[in-house]
Every structure is written in structure tokens, then in C-alpha cells.
Amino acid sequence: MDKAVEDLCFIINNSTVLDVNYSSEIVCCLIALAYACDQRFWGNTVSAASMELVRQTLANLNRNYSTEVMMRLAKAAGVAYKMLDGESLSEDEEEFLLKKLEI
């Protein structure tokens, strides 16, 4: 799981010249990271080092992407933060995840 997290962070951190039309790819990476690092339930096997890498990646989103792209990433990033922190998701956030998983 740590290798998958590392690869997802690499994609997010190195796709910084991104046209707004392709921001859905990064949204998918953010959602995958959120699920991989989900602290809301027991049994998560991601290392502390990987969790820190994800937090740094999320913190750098504003520096790496344009404002226009960030507007499209904001919801997924917010959900990822909450899942990393083990917080409960609102009904709207749960619905957002379900819609993204349907695609």
C-alpha cells in the first residue's frame, strides 16, 4: 500500500502543468489517496511516513496548481484531509465519493 501511496503522490506532485480539462485525473488520485489512508476505521496499513507524504502533497496543492484547477480539486482535497484525520464525512461528502466511484 505504501508503494501505491508513493506513486499517487508522485503523479499529483508532478502533473503541475495541468489543463483544467484534465483535472479529473488528479481528483481520482486524491480520492484513491483518501481511501488508501483512511483513518476512520481500523485496519489501515499505511505507514506513518506515507501518511506524512500525503499530508505534504495535499498541503502543496495550492502551490502546484492554478487557481482554476484548484477550484476543481478542492472538494476531493477536503474529503481526503478529513479521511486522513479520521473525521466523519458529511452526507454531501459521502455522496461526492459515491458519485466519483460510479464513474
PDB file of N, CA and C in Angstrom:
ATOM      1  N   MET A   1       0.824  -1.189   0.000  1.00  0.00           N
ATOM      2  CA  MET A   1       0.000   0.000   0.000  1.00  0.00           C
ATOM      3  C   MET A   1       0.874   1.262   0.000  1.00  0.00           C
ATOM      4  N   ASP A   2       2.005   1.202   0.707  1.00  0.00           N
ATOM      5  CA  ASP A   2       2.891   2.367   0.738  1.00  0.00           C
ATOM      6  C   ASP A   2       3.401   2.727  -0.656  1.00  0.00           C
ATOM      7  N   LYS A   3       3.696   1.738  -1.470  1.00  0.00           N
ATOM      8  CA  LYS A   3       4.174   1.988  -2.837  1.00  0.00           C
ATOM      9  C   LYS A   3       3.079   2.669  -3.668  1.00  0.00           C
ATOM     10  N   ALA A   4       1.850   2.226  -3.506  1.00  0.00           N
ATOM     11  CA  ALA A   4       0.736   2.847  -4.230  1.00  0.00           C
ATOM     12  C   ALA A   4       0.575   4.302  -3.801  1.00  0.00           C
ATOM     13  N   VAL A   5       0.664   4.549  -2.503  1.00  0.00           N
ATOM     14  CA  VAL A   5       0.549   5.920  -1.981  1.00  0.00           C
ATOM     15  C   VAL A   5       1.681   6.782  -2.543  1.00  0.00           C
ATOM     16  N   GLU A   6       2.888   6.246  -2.542  1.00  0.00           N
ATOM     17  CA  GLU A   6       4.042   6.976  -3.075  1.00  0.00           C
ATOM     18  C   GLU A   6       3.837   7.311  -4.548  1.00  0.00           C
ATOM     19  N   ASP A   7       3.343   6.355  -5.324  1.00  0.00           N
ATOM     20  CA  ASP A   7       3.111   6.574  -6.759  1.00  0.00           C
ATOM     21  C   ASP A   7       2.028   7.624  -6.997  1.00  0.00           C
ATOM     22  N   LEU A   8       0.958   7.569  -6.222  1.00  0.00           N
ATOM     23  CA  LEU A   8      -0.119   8.557  -6.361  1.00  0.00           C
ATOM     24  C   LEU A   8       0.388   9.954  -6.030  1.00  0.00           C
ATOM     25  N   CYS A   9       1.163  10.071  -4.970  1.00  0.00           N
ATOM     26  CA  CYS A   9       1.731  11.374  -4.597  1.00  0.00           C
ATOM     27  C   CYS A   9       2.661  11.886  -5.698  1.00  0.00           C
ATOM     28  N   PHE A  10       3.438  10.989  -6.290  1.00  0.00           N
ATOM     29  CA  PHE A  10       4.324  11.379  -7.385  1.00  0.00           C
ATOM     30  C   PHE A  10       3.515  11.959  -8.545  1.00  0.00           C
ATOM     31  N   ILE A  11       2.447  11.287  -8.911  1.00  0.00           N
ATOM     32  CA  ILE A  11       1.597  11.766 -10.016  1.00  0.00           C
ATOM     33  C   ILE A  11       1.043  13.150  -9.697  1.00  0.00           C
ATOM     34  N   ILE A  12       0.511  13.307  -8.483  1.00  0.00           N
ATOM     35  CA  ILE A  12      -0.077  14.592  -8.083  1.00  0.00           C
ATOM     36  C   ILE A  12       0.975  15.694  -8.062  1.00  0.00           C
ATOM     37  N   ASN A  13       2.136  15.391  -7.536  1.00  0.00           N
ATOM     38  CA  ASN A  13       3.188  16.402  -7.410  1.00  0.00           C
ATOM     39  C   ASN A  13       3.880  16.737  -8.722  1.00  0.00           C
ATOM     40  N   ASN A  14       3.768  15.871  -9.716  1.00  0.00           N
ATOM     41  CA  ASN A  14       4.491  16.090 -10.966  1.00  0.00           C
ATOM     42  C   ASN A  14       3.597  16.332 -12.171  1.00  0.00           C
ATOM     43  N   SER A  15       2.327  16.523 -11.944  1.00  0.00           N
ATOM     44  CA  SER A  15       1.390  16.845 -13.027  1.00  0.00           C
ATOM     45  C   SER A  15       0.949  18.297 -12.899  1.00  0.00           C
ATOM     46  N   THR A  16       1.890  19.152 -12.556  1.00  0.00           N
ATOM     47  CA  THR A  16       1.541  20.526 -12.193  1.00  0.00           C
ATOM     48  C   THR A  16       1.178  21.419 -13.374  1.00  0.00           C
ATOM     49  N   VAL A  17       1.604  21.073 -14.572  1.00  0.00           N
ATOM     50  CA  VAL A  17       1.204  21.842 -15.746  1.00  0.00           C
ATOM     51  C   VAL A  17      -0.013  21.129 -16.320  1.00  0.00           C
ATOM     52  N   LEU A  18      -1.122  21.380 -15.688  1.00  0.00           N
ATOM     53  CA  LEU A  18      -2.327  20.617 -15.977  1.00  0.00           C
ATOM     54  C   LEU A  18      -3.416  21.534 -16.501  1.00  0.00           C
ATOM     55  N   ASP A  19      -3.969  21.183 -17.631  1.00  0.00           N
ATOM     56  CA  ASP A  19      -5.113  21.903 -18.171  1.00  0.00           C
ATOM     57  C   ASP A  19      -6.323  21.577 -17.312  1.00  0.00           C
ATOM     58  N   VAL A  20      -7.162  22.544 -17.081  1.00  0.00           N
ATOM     59  CA  VAL A  20      -8.333  22.354 -16.224  1.00  0.00           C
ATOM     60  C   VAL A  20      -9.208  21.196 -16.709  1.00  0.00           C
ATOM     61  N   ASN A  21      -9.183  20.920 -18.012  1.00  0.00           N
ATOM     62  CA  ASN A  21      -9.994  19.832 -18.558  1.00  0.00           C
ATOM     63  C   ASN A  21      -9.529  18.453 -18.106  1.00  0.00           C
ATOM     64  N   TYR A  22      -8.282  18.364 -17.624  1.00  0.00           N
ATOM     65  CA  TYR A  22      -7.733  17.080 -17.189  1.00  0.00           C
ATOM     66  C   TYR A  22      -7.624  16.976 -15.663  1.00  0.00           C
ATOM     67  N   SER A  23      -8.235  17.891 -14.963  1.00  0.00           N
ATOM     68  CA  SER A  23      -8.153  17.888 -13.505  1.00  0.00           C
ATOM     69  C   SER A  23      -8.838  16.671 -12.890  1.00  0.00           C
ATOM     70  N   SER A  24      -9.727  16.025 -13.618  1.00  0.00           N
ATOM     71  CA  SER A  24     -10.410  14.845 -13.085  1.00  0.00           C
ATOM     72  C   SER A  24      -9.432  13.710 -12.794  1.00  0.00           C
ATOM     73  N   GLU A  25      -8.319  13.665 -13.528  1.00  0.00           N
ATOM     74  CA  GLU A  25      -7.301  12.643 -13.258  1.00  0.00           C
ATOM     75  C   GLU A  25      -6.710  12.831 -11.872  1.00  0.00           C
ATOM     76  N   ILE A  26      -6.454  14.072 -11.495  1.00  0.00           N
ATOM     77  CA  ILE A  26      -5.894  14.357 -10.170  1.00  0.00           C
ATOM     78  C   ILE A  26      -6.954  14.146  -9.098  1.00  0.00           C
ATOM     79  N   VAL A  27      -8.203  14.459  -9.403  1.00  0.00           N
ATOM     80  CA  VAL A  27      -9.289  14.174  -8.455  1.00  0.00           C
ATOM     81  C   VAL A  27      -9.324  12.679  -8.146  1.00  0.00           C
ATOM     82  N   CYS A  28      -9.185  11.853  -9.174  1.00  0.00           N
ATOM     83  CA  CYS A  28      -9.167  10.395  -8.969  1.00  0.00           C
ATOM     84  C   CYS A  28      -7.994   9.979  -8.089  1.00  0.00           C
ATOM     85  N   CYS A  29      -6.840  10.579  -8.299  1.00  0.00           N
ATOM     86  CA  CYS A  29      -5.666  10.278  -7.463  1.00  0.00           C
ATOM     87  C   CYS A  29      -5.912  10.694  -6.013  1.00  0.00           C
ATOM     88  N   LEU A  30      -6.529  11.850  -5.814  1.00  0.00           N
ATOM     89  CA  LEU A  30      -6.824  12.321  -4.459  1.00  0.00           C
ATOM     90  C   LEU A  30      -7.797  11.381  -3.748  1.00  0.00           C
ATOM     91  N   ILE A  31      -8.788  10.928  -4.466  1.00  0.00           N
ATOM     92  CA  ILE A  31      -9.760  10.005  -3.871  1.00  0.00           C
ATOM     93  C   ILE A  31      -9.092   8.668  -3.541  1.00  0.00           C
ATOM     94  N   ALA A  32      -8.237   8.198  -4.428  1.00  0.00           N
ATOM     95  CA  ALA A  32      -7.510   6.955  -4.153  1.00  0.00           C
ATOM     96  C   ALA A  32      -6.631   7.106  -2.914  1.00  0.00           C
ATOM     97  N   LEU A  33      -5.961   8.250  -2.786  1.00  0.00           N
ATOM     98  CA  LEU A  33      -5.154   8.504  -1.591  1.00  0.00           C
ATOM     99  C   LEU A  33      -6.020   8.534  -0.339  1.00  0.00           C
ATOM    100  N   ALA A  34      -7.170   9.157  -0.455  1.00  0.00           N
ATOM    101  CA  ALA A  34      -8.075   9.244   0.694  1.00  0.00           C
ATOM    102  C   ALA A  34      -8.481   7.854   1.176  1.00  0.00           C
ATOM    103  N   TYR A  35      -8.831   6.998   0.251  1.00  0.00           N
ATOM    104  CA  TYR A  35      -9.216   5.630   0.632  1.00  0.00           C
ATOM    105  C   TYR A  35      -8.033   4.833   1.166  1.00  0.00           C
ATOM    106  N   ALA A  36      -6.866   4.998   0.553  1.00  0.00           N
ATOM    107  CA  ALA A  36      -5.686   4.256   0.992  1.00  0.00           C
ATOM    108  C   ALA A  36      -5.269   4.649   2.398  1.00  0.00           C
ATOM    109  N   CYS A  37      -5.465   5.908   2.749  1.00  0.00           N
ATOM    110  CA  CYS A  37      -5.005   6.430   4.041  1.00  0.00           C
ATOM    111  C   CYS A  37      -6.147   6.690   5.018  1.00  0.00           C
ATOM    112  N   ASP A  38      -7.301   6.164   4.734  1.00  0.00           N
ATOM    113  CA  ASP A  38      -8.496   6.392   5.543  1.00  0.00           C
ATOM    114  C   ASP A  38      -8.261   5.947   6.990  1.00  0.00           C
ATOM    115  N   GLN A  39      -8.373   6.889   7.903  1.00  0.00           N
ATOM    116  CA  GLN A  39      -8.175   6.609   9.327  1.00  0.00           C
ATOM    117  C   GLN A  39      -9.495   6.518  10.093  1.00  0.00           C
ATOM    118  N   ARG A  40     -10.605   6.502   9.386  1.00  0.00           N
ATOM    119  CA  ARG A  40     -11.909   6.453  10.053  1.00  0.00           C
ATOM    120  C   ARG A  40     -12.213   5.079  10.625  1.00  0.00           C
ATOM    121  N   PHE A  41     -11.547   4.067  10.120  1.00  0.00           N
ATOM    122  CA  PHE A  41     -11.814   2.702  10.551  1.00  0.00           C
ATOM    123  C   PHE A  41     -10.504   2.021  10.907  1.00  0.00           C
ATOM    124  N   TRP A  42     -10.577   0.921  11.600  1.00  0.00           N
ATOM    125  CA  TRP A  42      -9.388   0.163  11.981  1.00  0.00           C
ATOM    126  C   TRP A  42      -8.841  -0.602  10.796  1.00  0.00           C
ATOM    127  N   GLY A  43      -7.599  -0.990  10.874  1.00  0.00           N
ATOM    128  CA  GLY A  43      -7.030  -1.870   9.876  1.00  0.00           C
ATOM    129  C   GLY A  43      -6.233  -1.189   8.791  1.00  0.00           C
ATOM    130  N   ASN A  44      -5.991   0.105   8.883  1.00  0.00           N
ATOM    131  CA  ASN A  44      -5.214   0.793   7.872  1.00  0.00           C
ATOM    132  C   ASN A  44      -3.747   0.394   8.012  1.00  0.00           C
ATOM    133  N   THR A  45      -3.115   0.016   6.910  1.00  0.00           N
ATOM    134  CA  THR A  45      -1.746  -0.484   6.950  1.00  0.00           C
ATOM    135  C   THR A  45      -0.724   0.497   6.375  1.00  0.00           C
ATOM    136  N   VAL A  46      -1.121   1.706   6.085  1.00  0.00           N
ATOM    137  CA  VAL A  46      -0.211   2.693   5.518  1.00  0.00           C
ATOM    138  C   VAL A  46       0.720   3.199   6.622  1.00  0.00           C
ATOM    139  N   SER A  47       1.997   3.295   6.307  1.00  0.00           N
ATOM    140  CA  SER A  47       2.996   3.723   7.293  1.00  0.00           C
ATOM    141  C   SER A  47       2.858   5.207   7.640  1.00  0.00           C
ATOM    142  N   ALA A  48       3.437   5.575   8.763  1.00  0.00           N
ATOM    143  CA  ALA A  48       3.436   6.973   9.193  1.00  0.00           C
ATOM    144  C   ALA A  48       4.166   7.851   8.173  1.00  0.00           C
ATOM    145  N   ALA A  49       5.228   7.329   7.576  1.00  0.00           N
ATOM    146  CA  ALA A  49       5.975   8.085   6.559  1.00  0.00           C
ATOM    147  C   ALA A  49       5.104   8.366   5.333  1.00  0.00           C
ATOM    148  N   SER A  50       4.310   7.394   4.925  1.00  0.00           N
ATOM    149  CA  SER A  50       3.404   7.594   3.787  1.00  0.00           C
ATOM    150  C   SER A  50       2.307   8.590   4.134  1.00  0.00           C
ATOM    151  N   MET A  51       1.818   8.513   5.343  1.00  0.00           N
ATOM    152  CA  MET A  51       0.789   9.475   5.776  1.00  0.00           C
ATOM    153  C   MET A  51       1.348  10.897   5.725  1.00  0.00           C
ATOM    154  N   GLU A  52       2.585  11.064   6.147  1.00  0.00           N
ATOM    155  CA  GLU A  52       3.218  12.384   6.119  1.00  0.00           C
ATOM    156  C   GLU A  52       3.419  12.850   4.680  1.00  0.00           C
ATOM    157  N   LEU A  53       3.796  11.948   3.797  1.00  0.00           N
ATOM    158  CA  LEU A  53       3.941  12.287   2.382  1.00  0.00           C
ATOM    159  C   LEU A  53       2.612  12.770   1.806  1.00  0.00           C
ATOM    160  N   VAL A  54       1.538  12.114   2.158  1.00  0.00           N
ATOM    161  CA  VAL A  54       0.210  12.519   1.675  1.00  0.00           C
ATOM    162  C   VAL A  54      -0.147  13.896   2.211  1.00  0.00           C
ATOM    163  N   ARG A  55       0.115  14.132   3.489  1.00  0.00           N
ATOM    164  CA  ARG A  55      -0.182  15.451   4.069  1.00  0.00           C
ATOM    165  C   ARG A  55       0.616  16.551   3.365  1.00  0.00           C
ATOM    166  N   GLN A  56       1.882  16.293   3.068  1.00  0.00           N
ATOM    167  CA  GLN A  56       2.703  17.271   2.351  1.00  0.00           C
ATOM    168  C   GLN A  56       2.173  17.495   0.940  1.00  0.00           C
ATOM    169  N   THR A  57       1.759  16.426   0.296  1.00  0.00           N
ATOM    170  CA  THR A  57       1.216  16.529  -1.057  1.00  0.00           C
ATOM    171  C   THR A  57      -0.048  17.381  -1.051  1.00  0.00           C
ATOM    172  N   LEU A  58      -0.938  17.136  -0.102  1.00  0.00           N
ATOM    173  CA  LEU A  58      -2.168  17.925  -0.010  1.00  0.00           C
ATOM    174  C   LEU A  58      -1.863  19.388   0.301  1.00  0.00           C
ATOM    175  N   ALA A  59      -0.902  19.616   1.182  1.00  0.00           N
ATOM    176  CA  ALA A  59      -0.540  20.984   1.547  1.00  0.00           C
ATOM    177  C   ALA A  59       0.050  21.754   0.377  1.00  0.00           C
ATOM    178  N   ASN A  60       0.693  21.056  -0.547  1.00  0.00           N
ATOM    179  CA  ASN A  60       1.338  21.707  -1.693  1.00  0.00           C
ATOM    180  C   ASN A  60       0.428  21.910  -2.891  1.00  0.00           C
ATOM    181  N   LEU A  61      -0.797  21.435  -2.829  1.00  0.00           N
ATOM    182  CA  LEU A  61      -1.689  21.559  -3.986  1.00  0.00           C
ATOM    183  C   LEU A  61      -1.830  23.005  -4.448  1.00  0.00           C
ATOM    184  N   ASN A  62      -2.030  23.922  -3.503  1.00  0.00           N
ATOM    185  CA  ASN A  62      -2.214  25.333  -3.872  1.00  0.00           C
ATOM    186  C   ASN A  62      -0.991  25.917  -4.556  1.00  0.00           C
ATOM    187  N   ARG A  63       0.181  25.433  -4.213  1.00  0.00           N
ATOM    188  CA  ARG A  63       1.416  25.929  -4.835  1.00  0.00           C
ATOM    189  C   ARG A  63       1.656  25.301  -6.201  1.00  0.00           C
ATOM    190  N   ASN A  64       1.175  24.087  -6.383  1.00  0.00           N
ATOM    191  CA  ASN A  64       1.457  23.353  -7.606  1.00  0.00           C
ATOM    192  C   ASN A  64       0.459  23.592  -8.737  1.00  0.00           C
ATOM    193  N   TYR A  65      -0.751  23.990  -8.397  1.00  0.00           N
ATOM    194  CA  TYR A  65      -1.796  24.104  -9.411  1.00  0.00           C
ATOM    195  C   TYR A  65      -2.376  25.509  -9.467  1.00  0.00           C
ATOM    196  N   SER A  66      -2.878  25.854 -10.638  1.00  0.00           N
ATOM    197  CA  SER A  66      -3.507  27.165 -10.823  1.00  0.00           C
ATOM    198  C   SER A  66      -4.785  27.247  -9.995  1.00  0.00           C
ATOM    199  N   THR A  67      -5.247  28.461  -9.797  1.00  0.00           N
ATOM    200  CA  THR A  67      -6.484  28.683  -9.046  1.00  0.00           C
ATOM    201  C   THR A  67      -7.655  27.990  -9.713  1.00  0.00           C
ATOM    202  N   GLU A  68      -7.681  28.033 -11.032  1.00  0.00           N
ATOM    203  CA  GLU A  68      -8.766  27.405 -11.783  1.00  0.00           C
ATOM    204  C   GLU A  68      -8.793  25.887 -11.561  1.00  0.00           C
ATOM    205  N   VAL A  69      -7.638  25.259 -11.599  1.00  0.00           N
ATOM    206  CA  VAL A  69      -7.554  23.818 -11.357  1.00  0.00           C
ATOM    207  C   VAL A  69      -7.900  23.518  -9.900  1.00  0.00           C
ATOM    208  N   MET A  70      -7.389  24.335  -8.983  1.00  0.00           N
ATOM    209  CA  MET A  70      -7.652  24.110  -7.554  1.00  0.00           C
ATOM    210  C   MET A  70      -9.144  24.144  -7.230  1.00  0.00           C
ATOM    211  N   MET A  71      -9.893  24.960  -7.956  1.00  0.00           N
ATOM    212  CA  MET A  71     -11.335  25.005  -7.733  1.00  0.00           C
ATOM    213  C   MET A  71     -11.952  23.636  -7.998  1.00  0.00           C
ATOM    214  N   ARG A  72     -11.403  22.904  -8.946  1.00  0.00           N
ATOM    215  CA  ARG A  72     -11.910  21.568  -9.280  1.00  0.00           C
ATOM    216  C   ARG A  72     -11.385  20.488  -8.336  1.00  0.00           C
ATOM    217  N   LEU A  73     -10.262  20.768  -7.680  1.00  0.00           N
ATOM    218  CA  LEU A  73      -9.667  19.797  -6.770  1.00  0.00           C
ATOM    219  C   LEU A  73     -10.096  19.981  -5.327  1.00  0.00           C
ATOM    220  N   ALA A  74     -10.656  21.127  -4.999  1.00  0.00           N
ATOM    221  CA  ALA A  74     -10.918  21.498  -3.605  1.00  0.00           C
ATOM    222  C   ALA A  74     -11.780  20.486  -2.860  1.00  0.00           C
ATOM    223  N   LYS A  75     -12.844  20.029  -3.450  1.00  0.00           N
ATOM    224  CA  LYS A  75     -13.755  19.092  -2.774  1.00  0.00           C
ATOM    225  C   LYS A  75     -13.031  17.780  -2.459  1.00  0.00           C
ATOM    226  N   ALA A  76     -12.338  17.228  -3.444  1.00  0.00           N
ATOM    227  CA  ALA A  76     -11.618  15.967  -3.234  1.00  0.00           C
ATOM    228  C   ALA A  76     -10.518  16.136  -2.193  1.00  0.00           C
ATOM    229  N   ALA A  77      -9.821  17.254  -2.224  1.00  0.00           N
ATOM    230  CA  ALA A  77      -8.757  17.503  -1.243  1.00  0.00           C
ATOM    231  C   ALA A  77      -9.343  17.626   0.162  1.00  0.00           C
ATOM    232  N   GLY A  78     -10.458  18.305   0.292  1.00  0.00           N
ATOM    233  CA  GLY A  78     -11.107  18.448   1.604  1.00  0.00           C
ATOM    234  C   GLY A  78     -11.555  17.108   2.167  1.00  0.00           C
ATOM    235  N   VAL A  79     -12.112  16.279   1.320  1.00  0.00           N
ATOM    236  CA  VAL A  79     -12.535  14.939   1.743  1.00  0.00           C
ATOM    237  C   VAL A  79     -11.319  14.112   2.138  1.00  0.00           C
ATOM    238  N   ALA A  80     -10.243  14.221   1.368  1.00  0.00           N
ATOM    239  CA  ALA A  80      -9.018  13.474   1.681  1.00  0.00           C
ATOM    240  C   ALA A  80      -8.474  13.878   3.046  1.00  0.00           C
ATOM    241  N   TYR A  81      -8.428  15.174   3.313  1.00  0.00           N
ATOM    242  CA  TYR A  81      -7.965  15.643   4.627  1.00  0.00           C
ATOM    243  C   TYR A  81      -8.792  15.033   5.754  1.00  0.00           C
ATOM    244  N   LYS A  82     -10.110  15.056   5.581  1.00  0.00           N
ATOM    245  CA  LYS A  82     -10.983  14.523   6.633  1.00  0.00           C
ATOM    246  C   LYS A  82     -10.758  13.029   6.854  1.00  0.00           C
ATOM    247  N   MET A  83     -10.606  12.283   5.770  1.00  0.00           N
ATOM    248  CA  MET A  83     -10.389  10.839   5.900  1.00  0.00           C
ATOM    249  C   MET A  83      -9.031  10.549   6.542  1.00  0.00           C
ATOM    250  N   LEU A  84      -8.025  11.339   6.205  1.00  0.00           N
ATOM    251  CA  LEU A  84      -6.701  11.194   6.814  1.00  0.00           C
ATOM    252  C   LEU A  84      -6.744  11.469   8.313  1.00  0.00           C
ATOM    253  N   ASP A  85      -7.576  12.413   8.687  1.00  0.00           N
ATOM    254  CA  ASP A  85      -7.691  12.781  10.100  1.00  0.00           C
ATOM    255  C   ASP A  85      -8.688  11.917  10.860  1.00  0.00           C
ATOM    256  N   GLY A  86      -9.320  10.973  10.169  1.00  0.00           N
ATOM    257  CA  GLY A  86     -10.273  10.085  10.816  1.00  0.00           C
ATOM    258  C   GLY A  86     -11.601  10.742  11.143  1.00  0.00           C
ATOM    259  N   GLU A  87     -11.893  11.853  10.499  1.00  0.00           N
ATOM    260  CA  GLU A  87     -13.139  12.578  10.756  1.00  0.00           C
ATOM    261  C   GLU A  87     -14.295  11.963   9.971  1.00  0.00           C
ATOM    262  N   SER A  88     -15.474  12.103  10.500  1.00  0.00           N
ATOM    263  CA  SER A  88     -16.675  11.655   9.794  1.00  0.00           C
ATOM    264  C   SER A  88     -16.945  12.581   8.623  1.00  0.00           C
ATOM    265  N   LEU A  89     -17.460  12.008   7.551  1.00  0.00           N
ATOM    266  CA  LEU A  89     -17.813  12.793   6.375  1.00  0.00           C
ATOM    267  C   LEU A  89     -19.273  13.197   6.450  1.00  0.00           C
ATOM    268  N   SER A  90     -19.566  14.361   5.905  1.00  0.00           N
ATOM    269  CA  SER A  90     -20.953  14.804   5.831  1.00  0.00           C
ATOM    270  C   SER A  90     -21.674  13.971   4.775  1.00  0.00           C
ATOM    271  N   GLU A  91     -22.975  14.063   4.772  1.00  0.00           N
ATOM    272  CA  GLU A  91     -23.768  13.336   3.775  1.00  0.00           C
ATOM    273  C   GLU A  91     -23.379  13.777   2.366  1.00  0.00           C
ATOM    274  N   ASP A  92     -23.141  15.068   2.195  1.00  0.00           N
ATOM    275  CA  ASP A  92     -22.729  15.617   0.908  1.00  0.00           C
ATOM    276  C   ASP A  92     -21.378  15.038   0.468  1.00  0.00           C
ATOM    277  N   GLU A  93     -20.440  14.911   1.394  1.00  0.00           N
ATOM    278  CA  GLU A  93     -19.130  14.362   1.075  1.00  0.00           C
ATOM    279  C   GLU A  93     -19.210  12.872   0.742  1.00  0.00           C
ATOM    280  N   GLU A  94     -20.040  12.141   1.477  1.00  0.00           N
ATOM    281  CA  GLU A  94     -20.251  10.715   1.176  1.00  0.00           C
ATOM    282  C   GLU A  94     -20.839  10.559  -0.221  1.00  0.00           C
ATOM    283  N   GLU A  95     -21.796  11.419  -0.537  1.00  0.00           N
ATOM    284  CA  GLU A  95     -22.434  11.384  -1.854  1.00  0.00           C
ATOM    285  C   GLU A  95     -21.417  11.704  -2.960  1.00  0.00           C
ATOM    286  N   PHE A  96     -20.550  12.678  -2.699  1.00  0.00           N
ATOM    287  CA  PHE A  96     -19.486  13.034  -3.637  1.00  0.00           C
ATOM    288  C   PHE A  96     -18.621  11.814  -3.942  1.00  0.00           C
ATOM    289  N   LEU A  97     -18.197  11.083  -2.908  1.00  0.00           N
ATOM    290  CA  LEU A  97     -17.369   9.902  -3.105  1.00  0.00           C
ATOM    291  C   LEU A  97     -18.103   8.829  -3.882  1.00  0.00           C
ATOM    292  N   LEU A  98     -19.349   8.608  -3.566  1.00  0.00           N
ATOM    293  CA  LEU A  98     -20.130   7.591  -4.268  1.00  0.00           C
ATOM    294  C   LEU A  98     -20.285   7.927  -5.744  1.00  0.00           C
ATOM    295  N   LYS A  99     -20.513   9.198  -6.048  1.00  0.00           N
ATOM    296  CA  LYS A  99     -20.637   9.613  -7.452  1.00  0.00           C
ATOM    297  C   LYS A  99     -19.332   9.406  -8.196  1.00  0.00           C
ATOM    298  N   LYS A 100     -18.215   9.711  -7.543  1.00  0.00           N
ATOM    299  CA  LYS A 100     -16.923   9.537  -8.193  1.00  0.00           C
ATOM    300  C   LYS A 100     -16.602   8.057  -8.402  1.00  0.00           C
ATOM    301  N   LEU A 101     -17.055   7.210  -7.506  1.00  0.00           N
ATOM    302  CA  LEU A 101     -16.802   5.776  -7.651  1.00  0.00           C
ATOM    303  C   LEU A 101     -17.654   5.156  -8.755  1.00  0.00           C
ATOM    304  N   GLU A 102     -18.775   5.767  -9.077  1.00  0.00           N
ATOM    305  CA  GLU A 102     -19.652   5.265 -10.135  1.00  0.00           C
ATOM    306  C   GLU A 102     -19.063   5.466 -11.522  1.00  0.00           C
ATOM    307  N   ILE A 103     -18.205   6.455 -11.662  1.00  0.00           N
ATOM    308  CA  ILE A 103     -17.670   6.810 -12.982  1.00  0.00           C
ATOM    309  C   ILE A 103     -16.757   5.769 -13.530  1.00  0.00           C
TER     310      ILE A 103
END
